[in-house]
Amino acid sequence: MTETRHLSWTKLAAFSAPSVPMATLGMPLVVFLPEYYSNDLGLSLALVGSVFGLVRLLDIGVDPLVGALMDHTRTPWGRFRPWLAAAAPVIALGVYMLFMAQKGVGPVYLWAWLLVVYLGLSMGGLSHMAWGAVLNTSYDGRSRTYAWIQALTVGGLILVLLLPALLSQLLHVGSGGGMRAIGWLTVALIPLCFGLPLGLIGEPQAPPRAERAGLGDYLAIFRNGTALRLLAVDQLLGLASSLTGAIVFFYLEQIKGFTKGESEVLLLVYFLSALGGGPVWLWLARRMGKHKALALAAALYVVTQSSALLPPPGDMPIMILAIALAGLPYSSAALLIRSMLADVADQERLRTGADRTGLLFALSLANGKISAAVSVIGSYWFLAAIGFNPASTHNSAQSLLGLEGVFAFAPGILGLTAAVVILGYGLTAERHAGIREALAERDALEPPAAPVAAPQPAALMVAER
């Protein structure tokens, strides 16, 4: 039987560190930066929206290409570490140029540097996720790895929510100063957080056989029923989460009557609850299996999302309780689906003889970007069609009813569908153990690949015995 060395919590924390700056960047790119370029830098809202939308559409096609390239990358330093190292300066440069921009910049400037940032995030996020898949190859060990990554991701989200509020209250810094502070924070965190895994964590030797991916390989993934089921659930839950995020401020302010500041506090409560929920889903995954834990999380999401309708307008204590309950399932999808994707990559390698770890994670990353784009476009078009205006305090009862439906019931339907679909997932812990044994036996008969250069003396090299 194959097994991997146990990773201490300190080493898992070091490996997961790049999630922090990528999270401190992720939310501003979606929530704060478009408003900043429109309100503070003077670009029209329609123009800013068009630029962001175009870049996101182009970015979706980048992920499968980068994933395929990673799958057949072979260097003395590993497959995924070089990509993570290359991503760091790309992200840092793009962040500096975007967040330190002055009045007078035009749409071409915004478009070009957004492309740079999103390319860096594709390289960094994808290499980090794929590296996590090979860092520990056991069924439960992978869940632990991605639980740490998700915990630091949520920690980064909390940090970026707190920073502008603290600067505003303590130093009376305006929105422009807050955006520059987020930019400087992200730039400062990148060398430290990316440097920790690059300097301290080793990458296991790649599998002996490395076959190049073509269009047929992409299509072959969709002939793998297990992969297709998991990617479908990934898309459904991604759409549900993105839809909620796209209109959460509209709902809290227009339906429940909270101010922008109170809504931000509620969002902070949501992510604090998500941080606490991560260990619960890790424990449940070990006890009942990943797919059953994911089905339970999706079902809980349906209940808690719908229950957000219950608190009376303006009742902050009850709303805090409802939002805290809604935050509990948040970490489950990223934690469990990533771990399950790594297991599916093992199944695919046994089935085809080719390692498609990077490609599978690229498809999942593209799923997330499609979800973000579809949820914003779809919800905003629907709300506009029924006459909802976020800037108005006198929206019609019909438009507010439509907003409630989109917030509470549309994500719930998606979550319920995901719970039903994932129950048919068949790659259990027992089946995965058999796959790892078969892979170890086959790999032992193959000529060894070029060895990976050892990291620093203090580094950890995780490899199958």
Protein backbone atom coordinates (compact mmCIF):
# COMPACT_ATOMS: atom_id res chain seq x y z
CA MET A 1 0.00 0.00 0.00
CA THR A 2 1.23 3.47 -0.78
CA GLU A 3 1.36 6.08 1.94
CA THR A 4 2.75 9.54 2.47
CA ARG A 5 4.59 11.07 5.36
CA HIS A 6 2.48 13.02 7.79
CA LEU A 7 2.65 16.76 7.33
CA SER A 8 2.87 18.84 10.50
CA TRP A 9 0.51 21.78 10.90
CA THR A 10 3.43 24.21 10.61
CA LYS A 11 4.44 22.80 7.23
CA LEU A 12 0.85 22.77 6.01
CA ALA A 13 0.51 26.39 7.10
CA ALA A 14 3.72 27.27 5.22
CA PHE A 15 2.49 25.47 2.11
CA SER A 16 -0.90 27.20 2.27
CA ALA A 17 0.54 30.72 2.76
CA PRO A 18 0.15 31.87 -0.91
CA SER A 19 -3.61 31.66 -0.40
CA VAL A 20 -3.50 34.78 1.77
CA PRO A 21 -2.32 37.35 -0.82
CA MET A 22 -4.38 35.70 -3.55
CA ALA A 23 -7.45 36.10 -1.30
CA THR A 24 -6.64 39.70 -0.35
CA LEU A 25 -6.54 40.38 -4.08
CA GLY A 26 -9.53 38.27 -5.15
CA MET A 27 -12.30 40.16 -3.39
CA PRO A 28 -11.11 43.70 -4.32
CA LEU A 29 -10.88 42.66 -7.97
CA VAL A 30 -14.56 41.72 -7.96
CA VAL A 31 -16.11 44.05 -5.37
CA PHE A 32 -13.97 47.16 -4.80
CA LEU A 33 -11.77 47.80 -7.84
CA PRO A 34 -14.53 48.40 -10.43
CA GLU A 35 -16.15 50.98 -8.15
CA TYR A 36 -12.76 52.60 -7.48
CA TYR A 37 -11.97 53.03 -11.18
CA SER A 38 -15.43 54.45 -11.80
CA ASN A 39 -15.93 56.72 -8.78
CA ASP A 40 -12.38 57.78 -7.95
CA LEU A 41 -10.52 57.58 -11.26
CA GLY A 42 -13.35 58.87 -13.44
CA LEU A 43 -13.99 56.06 -15.93
CA SER A 44 -17.62 55.47 -16.83
CA LEU A 45 -19.32 52.59 -15.04
CA ALA A 46 -20.39 50.98 -18.33
CA LEU A 47 -16.83 51.18 -19.66
CA VAL A 48 -15.35 49.69 -16.48
CA GLY A 49 -17.91 46.88 -16.55
CA SER A 50 -17.13 46.11 -20.19
CA VAL A 51 -13.37 46.01 -19.55
CA PHE A 52 -13.72 43.70 -16.55
CA GLY A 53 -16.15 41.45 -18.41
CA LEU A 54 -13.90 41.15 -21.47
CA VAL A 55 -10.86 40.30 -19.38
CA ARG A 56 -12.77 37.64 -17.43
CA LEU A 57 -13.98 36.04 -20.67
CA LEU A 58 -10.44 35.91 -22.03
CA ASP A 59 -9.17 34.59 -18.70
CA ILE A 60 -11.48 31.57 -18.77
CA GLY A 61 -9.63 30.20 -21.79
CA VAL A 62 -6.23 30.65 -20.16
CA ASP A 63 -6.71 28.11 -17.36
CA PRO A 64 -6.98 24.89 -19.45
CA LEU A 65 -3.94 25.96 -21.47
CA VAL A 66 -1.86 26.65 -18.36
CA GLY A 67 -3.07 23.41 -16.77
CA ALA A 68 -2.06 21.35 -19.80
CA LEU A 69 1.36 23.01 -19.85
CA MET A 70 1.87 22.22 -16.16
CA ASP A 71 1.01 18.56 -16.68
CA HIS A 72 3.97 18.01 -18.98
CA THR A 73 6.37 20.43 -17.28
CA ARG A 74 9.46 18.62 -16.06
CA THR A 75 12.27 20.55 -14.34
CA PRO A 76 14.84 19.70 -11.66
CA TRP A 77 12.74 21.90 -9.35
CA GLY A 78 9.49 20.02 -9.98
CA ARG A 79 6.37 20.52 -12.10
CA PHE A 80 4.40 23.06 -10.12
CA ARG A 81 6.96 24.98 -8.05
CA PRO A 82 8.43 26.82 -11.07
CA TRP A 83 4.96 28.04 -12.06
CA LEU A 84 4.24 29.30 -8.55
CA ALA A 85 7.59 31.08 -8.46
CA ALA A 86 6.95 32.69 -11.86
CA ALA A 87 3.48 33.83 -10.77
CA ALA A 88 4.70 35.89 -7.81
CA PRO A 89 6.38 38.78 -9.70
CA VAL A 90 3.64 38.81 -12.34
CA ILE A 91 0.93 39.26 -9.69
CA ALA A 92 2.95 41.82 -7.72
CA LEU A 93 3.63 43.98 -10.76
CA GLY A 94 0.02 43.87 -11.91
CA VAL A 95 -1.28 44.71 -8.43
CA TYR A 96 1.03 47.70 -8.12
CA MET A 97 0.00 49.11 -11.48
CA LEU A 98 -3.74 48.57 -10.86
CA PHE A 99 -3.99 49.77 -7.27
CA MET A 100 -1.59 52.72 -7.53
CA ALA A 101 -3.14 54.13 -10.71
CA GLN A 102 -3.77 57.88 -10.82
CA LYS A 103 -6.55 59.89 -12.44
CA GLY A 104 -6.16 60.07 -16.19
CA VAL A 105 -5.63 56.37 -16.85
CA GLY A 106 -7.78 54.99 -19.65
CA PRO A 107 -9.52 51.73 -20.48
CA VAL A 108 -6.49 50.29 -22.29
CA TYR A 109 -4.38 50.75 -19.13
CA LEU A 110 -7.04 49.00 -17.03
CA TRP A 111 -7.49 46.21 -19.59
CA ALA A 112 -3.75 45.52 -19.94
CA TRP A 113 -2.96 45.35 -16.22
CA LEU A 114 -6.06 43.33 -15.43
CA LEU A 115 -4.84 40.79 -17.98
CA VAL A 116 -1.45 40.67 -16.23
CA VAL A 117 -3.02 40.16 -12.80
CA TYR A 118 -5.42 37.48 -13.96
CA LEU A 119 -2.65 35.64 -15.81
CA GLY A 120 -0.57 35.67 -12.62
CA LEU A 121 -3.52 34.45 -10.56
CA SER A 122 -4.14 31.61 -13.03
CA MET A 123 -0.50 30.55 -12.81
CA GLY A 124 -0.33 30.92 -9.04
CA GLY A 125 -3.72 29.52 -8.08
CA LEU A 126 -3.54 26.56 -10.43
CA SER A 127 0.03 25.55 -9.57
CA HIS A 128 -0.72 25.82 -5.86
CA MET A 129 -3.86 23.67 -6.07
CA ALA A 130 -2.19 21.06 -8.28
CA TRP A 131 0.90 20.94 -6.06
CA GLY A 132 -1.41 20.28 -3.11
CA ALA A 133 -2.80 17.25 -4.93
CA VAL A 134 0.61 15.55 -5.04
CA LEU A 135 1.87 16.82 -1.67
CA ASN A 136 -0.10 14.14 0.15
CA THR A 137 -1.73 11.39 -1.87
CA SER A 138 -3.80 9.72 0.83
CA TYR A 139 -7.60 10.10 0.83
CA ASP A 140 -7.81 11.89 4.19
CA GLY A 141 -4.43 13.58 3.94
CA ARG A 142 -5.56 15.53 0.89
CA SER A 143 -8.61 16.81 2.76
CA ARG A 144 -6.31 18.11 5.47
CA THR A 145 -4.11 19.88 2.92
CA TYR A 146 -7.02 21.66 1.26
CA ALA A 147 -8.59 22.47 4.64
CA TRP A 148 -5.49 24.48 5.47
CA ILE A 149 -5.52 26.21 2.10
CA GLN A 150 -9.17 27.14 2.55
CA ALA A 151 -8.59 28.36 6.10
CA LEU A 152 -5.85 30.76 4.97
CA THR A 153 -7.99 31.84 2.01
CA VAL A 154 -10.81 32.82 4.37
CA GLY A 155 -8.25 34.48 6.63
CA GLY A 156 -7.14 36.62 3.69
CA LEU A 157 -10.77 37.56 2.96
CA ILE A 158 -11.27 38.63 6.58
CA LEU A 159 -8.06 40.67 6.46
CA VAL A 160 -9.10 42.57 3.35
CA LEU A 161 -12.54 43.26 4.83
CA LEU A 162 -11.02 44.66 8.01
CA LEU A 163 -8.27 46.81 6.48
CA PRO A 164 -10.37 49.53 4.75
CA ALA A 165 -12.69 49.80 7.76
CA LEU A 166 -9.80 50.18 10.19
CA LEU A 167 -8.09 52.78 8.02
CA SER A 168 -11.32 54.70 7.68
CA GLN A 169 -12.08 54.69 11.41
CA LEU A 170 -8.59 55.19 12.81
CA LEU A 171 -6.86 57.29 10.17
CA HIS A 172 -9.88 58.72 8.30
CA VAL A 173 -8.50 57.36 5.03
CA GLY A 174 -10.91 57.59 2.07
CA SER A 175 -11.70 54.90 -0.49
CA GLY A 176 -8.71 55.78 -2.66
CA GLY A 177 -6.32 55.45 0.26
CA GLY A 178 -7.99 52.20 1.27
CA MET A 179 -7.47 50.75 -2.20
CA ARG A 180 -3.80 51.73 -2.20
CA ALA A 181 -3.42 50.14 1.24
CA ILE A 182 -4.90 46.88 -0.04
CA GLY A 183 -2.48 47.04 -2.98
CA TRP A 184 0.56 47.62 -0.77
CA LEU A 185 -0.55 44.89 1.63
CA THR A 186 -0.86 42.38 -1.21
CA VAL A 187 2.49 43.37 -2.75
CA ALA A 188 4.18 43.03 0.65
CA LEU A 189 2.62 39.64 1.37
CA ILE A 190 3.53 38.05 -1.97
CA PRO A 191 7.29 37.51 -1.44
CA LEU A 192 6.78 36.27 2.11
CA CYS A 193 3.80 34.01 1.48
CA PHE A 194 4.99 32.61 -1.85
CA GLY A 195 8.52 32.23 -0.51
CA LEU A 196 7.47 29.94 2.35
CA PRO A 197 6.41 26.92 0.26
CA LEU A 198 9.01 27.60 -2.43
CA GLY A 199 11.81 27.57 0.14
CA LEU A 200 10.54 25.10 2.71
CA ILE A 201 8.36 22.51 0.97
CA GLY A 202 9.62 20.02 -1.57
CA GLU A 203 7.66 18.68 -4.50
CA PRO A 204 7.43 14.90 -4.97
CA GLN A 205 8.91 13.36 -8.10
CA ALA A 206 6.56 13.42 -11.07
CA PRO A 207 5.05 10.15 -12.36
CA PRO A 208 7.27 8.33 -14.87
CA ARG A 209 5.04 8.84 -17.90
CA ALA A 210 4.28 12.36 -19.11
CA GLU A 211 2.13 12.61 -22.20
CA ARG A 212 1.27 15.88 -23.86
CA ALA A 213 -2.35 17.03 -23.80
CA GLY A 214 -4.26 17.85 -26.93
CA LEU A 215 -7.88 18.63 -27.65
CA GLY A 216 -8.74 14.95 -27.37
CA ASP A 217 -7.42 14.86 -23.82
CA TYR A 218 -9.75 17.69 -22.82
CA LEU A 219 -12.70 15.82 -24.31
CA ALA A 220 -11.58 12.53 -22.72
CA ILE A 221 -11.93 14.09 -19.27
CA PHE A 222 -15.64 14.54 -19.97
CA ARG A 223 -15.94 10.86 -20.82
CA ASN A 224 -14.86 10.06 -17.27
CA GLY A 225 -18.19 9.85 -15.46
CA THR A 226 -16.68 10.50 -12.03
CA ALA A 227 -14.88 13.61 -13.23
CA LEU A 228 -17.95 14.86 -15.07
CA ARG A 229 -20.18 14.42 -12.01
CA LEU A 230 -17.71 16.24 -9.75
CA LEU A 231 -17.18 19.11 -12.20
CA ALA A 232 -20.95 19.48 -12.58
CA VAL A 233 -21.36 19.76 -8.80
CA ASP A 234 -18.45 22.20 -8.73
CA GLN A 235 -20.25 24.36 -11.31
CA LEU A 236 -23.60 24.20 -9.50
CA LEU A 237 -22.17 25.17 -6.11
CA GLY A 238 -19.96 27.81 -7.71
CA LEU A 239 -22.97 29.39 -9.39
CA ALA A 240 -24.90 29.36 -6.10
CA SER A 241 -22.09 31.00 -4.14
CA SER A 242 -21.30 33.55 -6.85
CA LEU A 243 -24.96 34.48 -7.21
CA THR A 244 -25.24 35.14 -3.49
CA GLY A 245 -22.05 37.20 -3.48
CA ALA A 246 -23.13 39.29 -6.46
CA ILE A 247 -26.26 40.63 -4.75
CA VAL A 248 -25.62 40.24 -1.02
CA PHE A 249 -25.22 43.99 -0.44
CA PHE A 250 -28.38 44.73 -2.43
CA TYR A 251 -30.29 42.25 -0.27
CA LEU A 252 -28.95 43.43 3.09
CA GLU A 253 -29.43 47.12 2.33
CA GLN A 254 -32.65 47.12 0.28
CA ILE A 255 -34.56 44.22 1.89
CA LYS A 256 -33.25 44.17 5.44
CA GLY A 257 -32.57 47.89 5.80
CA PHE A 258 -28.96 47.75 6.95
CA THR A 259 -26.39 50.43 6.16
CA LYS A 260 -23.30 49.70 4.06
CA GLY A 261 -21.18 49.57 7.22
CA GLU A 262 -23.58 47.16 8.93
CA SER A 263 -23.64 45.00 5.81
CA GLU A 264 -19.85 44.80 5.84
CA VAL A 265 -19.97 43.70 9.49
CA LEU A 266 -22.43 40.96 8.54
CA LEU A 267 -20.14 39.83 5.72
CA LEU A 268 -17.28 39.67 8.22
CA VAL A 269 -19.44 37.47 10.48
CA TYR A 270 -20.13 35.24 7.47
CA PHE A 271 -16.43 34.63 6.81
CA LEU A 272 -15.61 34.15 10.49
CA SER A 273 -18.25 31.44 10.56
CA ALA A 274 -16.79 29.94 7.37
CA LEU A 275 -13.39 29.82 9.07
CA GLY A 276 -14.90 27.92 12.00
CA GLY A 277 -16.83 25.58 9.71
CA GLY A 278 -13.74 24.28 7.89
CA PRO A 279 -12.62 21.83 10.64
CA VAL A 280 -16.20 20.52 10.90
CA TRP A 281 -16.27 19.53 7.23
CA LEU A 282 -12.79 17.99 7.50
CA TRP A 283 -13.98 15.88 10.44
CA LEU A 284 -17.16 14.83 8.65
CA ALA A 285 -15.20 13.91 5.51
CA ARG A 286 -13.12 11.50 7.56
CA ARG A 287 -16.15 9.99 9.28
CA MET A 288 -18.60 9.63 6.40
CA GLY A 289 -16.58 10.13 3.22
CA LYS A 290 -16.02 13.27 1.18
CA HIS A 291 -19.00 12.99 -1.15
CA LYS A 292 -21.49 12.40 1.68
CA ALA A 293 -20.04 15.32 3.64
CA LEU A 294 -20.36 17.49 0.52
CA ALA A 295 -24.00 16.42 0.03
CA LEU A 296 -24.71 17.31 3.66
CA ALA A 297 -23.03 20.70 3.23
CA ALA A 298 -25.06 21.44 0.11
CA ALA A 299 -28.28 20.51 1.91
CA LEU A 300 -27.35 22.73 4.86
CA TYR A 301 -26.61 25.54 2.42
CA VAL A 302 -30.14 25.26 1.02
CA VAL A 303 -31.67 25.55 4.49
CA THR A 304 -29.48 28.40 5.76
CA GLN A 305 -29.73 30.38 2.52
CA SER A 306 -33.52 30.26 2.63
CA SER A 307 -33.58 31.09 6.35
CA ALA A 308 -31.89 34.43 5.60
CA LEU A 309 -35.40 35.62 4.69
CA LEU A 310 -36.65 35.18 8.26
CA PRO A 311 -34.96 37.96 10.31
CA PRO A 312 -37.09 41.12 10.53
CA PRO A 313 -35.66 44.20 8.76
CA GLY A 314 -33.13 46.04 10.92
CA ASP A 315 -32.84 43.29 13.55
CA MET A 316 -29.05 43.04 13.75
CA PRO A 317 -28.73 40.30 16.44
CA ILE A 318 -31.07 37.91 14.61
CA MET A 319 -29.43 38.69 11.27
CA ILE A 320 -25.99 38.00 12.74
CA LEU A 321 -27.23 34.56 13.82
CA ALA A 322 -28.73 33.86 10.38
CA ILE A 323 -25.58 34.99 8.57
CA ALA A 324 -23.36 32.95 10.90
CA LEU A 325 -25.38 29.82 10.11
CA ALA A 326 -25.22 30.61 6.38
CA GLY A 327 -21.43 30.89 6.60
CA LEU A 328 -20.90 27.41 8.05
CA PRO A 329 -21.10 25.51 4.69
CA TYR A 330 -19.01 28.09 2.80
CA SER A 331 -15.64 26.33 3.16
CA SER A 332 -16.98 22.87 2.37
CA ALA A 333 -17.10 23.11 -1.42
CA ALA A 334 -13.56 24.40 -1.94
CA LEU A 335 -12.10 22.03 0.65
CA LEU A 336 -13.89 18.86 -0.41
CA ILE A 337 -14.11 19.34 -4.18
CA ARG A 338 -10.39 20.11 -4.49
CA SER A 339 -9.53 17.02 -2.47
CA MET A 340 -11.90 14.92 -4.58
CA LEU A 341 -10.44 16.33 -7.81
CA ALA A 342 -7.02 15.13 -6.70
CA ASP A 343 -8.48 11.64 -6.17
CA VAL A 344 -10.09 11.77 -9.62
CA ALA A 345 -6.70 12.70 -11.09
CA ASP A 346 -5.33 9.43 -9.68
CA GLN A 347 -8.24 7.52 -11.21
CA GLU A 348 -7.67 9.21 -14.57
CA ARG A 349 -3.94 8.41 -14.51
CA LEU A 350 -4.66 4.76 -13.80
CA ARG A 351 -7.27 4.68 -16.57
CA THR A 352 -5.29 6.47 -19.29
CA GLY A 353 -1.66 6.35 -18.17
CA ALA A 354 -1.44 10.15 -18.37
CA ASP A 355 -1.26 12.59 -15.46
CA ARG A 356 -3.98 15.23 -15.91
CA THR A 357 -3.81 16.81 -12.44
CA GLY A 358 -3.17 20.29 -13.80
CA LEU A 359 -5.89 19.97 -16.41
CA LEU A 360 -8.54 18.87 -13.90
CA PHE A 361 -7.77 21.75 -11.56
CA ALA A 362 -7.74 24.11 -14.54
CA LEU A 363 -11.25 23.02 -15.48
CA SER A 364 -12.36 23.63 -11.90
CA LEU A 365 -10.74 27.07 -11.88
CA ALA A 366 -12.46 27.87 -15.18
CA ASN A 367 -15.73 26.68 -13.61
CA GLY A 368 -15.33 29.31 -10.91
CA LYS A 369 -14.72 32.07 -13.41
CA ILE A 370 -17.69 31.05 -15.53
CA SER A 371 -19.83 31.03 -12.38
CA ALA A 372 -18.68 34.51 -11.42
CA ALA A 373 -19.40 35.91 -14.88
CA VAL A 374 -22.76 34.18 -15.36
CA SER A 375 -24.01 35.06 -11.87
CA VAL A 376 -23.24 38.76 -12.20
CA ILE A 377 -24.56 39.11 -15.74
CA GLY A 378 -27.63 36.96 -15.15
CA SER A 379 -28.68 38.44 -11.81
CA TYR A 380 -28.05 42.04 -12.86
CA TRP A 381 -29.95 41.63 -16.13
CA PHE A 382 -32.87 40.00 -14.33
CA LEU A 383 -33.01 42.67 -11.63
CA ALA A 384 -32.83 45.42 -14.26
CA ALA A 385 -35.61 43.74 -16.23
CA ILE A 386 -37.96 43.81 -13.24
CA GLY A 387 -37.12 47.43 -12.51
CA PHE A 388 -34.76 47.12 -9.56
CA ASN A 389 -32.37 50.06 -9.10
CA PRO A 390 -29.69 49.61 -6.41
CA ALA A 391 -29.19 53.37 -6.14
CA SER A 392 -32.87 54.01 -5.39
CA THR A 393 -34.57 53.86 -1.99
CA HIS A 394 -38.02 53.57 -3.58
CA ASN A 395 -37.95 50.30 -5.49
CA SER A 396 -41.30 48.71 -6.25
CA ALA A 397 -42.65 45.80 -4.22
CA GLN A 398 -42.39 43.59 -7.32
CA SER A 399 -38.70 44.35 -7.85
CA LEU A 400 -37.89 43.75 -4.16
CA LEU A 401 -39.76 40.46 -4.27
CA GLY A 402 -37.68 39.50 -7.27
CA LEU A 403 -34.49 40.40 -5.38
CA GLU A 404 -35.56 38.18 -2.47
CA GLY A 405 -36.23 35.31 -4.82
CA VAL A 406 -32.87 35.59 -6.56
CA PHE A 407 -31.02 35.79 -3.23
CA ALA A 408 -32.78 33.07 -1.28
CA PHE A 409 -34.33 30.57 -3.69
CA ALA A 410 -32.21 30.50 -6.86
CA PRO A 411 -29.01 29.52 -4.97
CA GLY A 412 -31.05 27.06 -2.93
CA ILE A 413 -32.27 25.27 -6.04
CA LEU A 414 -28.70 25.04 -7.32
CA GLY A 415 -27.48 23.72 -3.97
CA LEU A 416 -30.23 21.11 -3.76
CA THR A 417 -29.43 19.90 -7.28
CA ALA A 418 -25.75 19.61 -6.34
CA ALA A 419 -26.62 17.56 -3.23
CA VAL A 420 -28.62 15.08 -5.32
CA VAL A 421 -25.99 14.78 -8.06
CA ILE A 422 -23.04 14.19 -5.71
CA LEU A 423 -24.77 11.28 -3.94
CA GLY A 424 -24.03 9.15 -7.01
CA TYR A 425 -20.27 9.76 -6.71
CA GLY A 426 -18.48 6.43 -6.41
CA LEU A 427 -14.81 7.18 -5.67
CA THR A 428 -14.81 6.21 -1.99
CA ALA A 429 -11.83 5.92 0.35
CA GLU A 430 -11.67 2.16 -0.28
CA ARG A 431 -11.68 2.55 -4.06
CA HIS A 432 -9.08 5.27 -3.90
CA ALA A 433 -6.77 3.11 -1.77
CA GLY A 434 -6.96 0.42 -4.45
CA ILE A 435 -6.15 2.97 -7.16
CA ARG A 436 -3.08 4.19 -5.26
CA GLU A 437 -1.85 0.60 -4.86
CA ALA A 438 -2.29 -0.09 -8.58
CA LEU A 439 -0.48 3.14 -9.48
CA ALA A 440 2.42 2.31 -7.17
CA GLU A 441 2.79 -1.14 -8.74
CA ARG A 442 2.70 0.25 -12.27
CA ASP A 443 5.07 3.14 -11.49
CA ALA A 444 7.58 0.69 -10.04
CA LEU A 445 7.83 -0.98 -13.47
CA GLU A 446 8.39 2.31 -15.32
CA PRO A 447 11.79 3.96 -15.86
CA PRO A 448 12.17 6.65 -13.17
CA ALA A 449 11.74 10.28 -14.15
CA ALA A 450 14.52 12.77 -13.63
CA PRO A 451 14.86 13.41 -9.88
CA VAL A 452 13.55 16.64 -8.45
CA ALA A 453 16.16 18.91 -6.95
CA ALA A 454 16.11 18.82 -3.17
CA PRO A 455 14.91 21.94 -1.38
CA GLN A 456 16.71 23.68 1.48
CA PRO A 457 17.90 21.46 4.36
CA ALA A 458 14.92 22.57 6.47
CA ALA A 459 12.49 21.73 3.70
CA LEU A 460 10.09 18.90 3.62
CA MET A 461 10.18 16.38 0.83
CA VAL A 462 6.95 14.49 0.62
CA ALA A 463 7.14 11.37 -1.48
CA GLU A 464 5.59 7.97 -1.56
CA ARG A 465 7.63 5.32 0.10
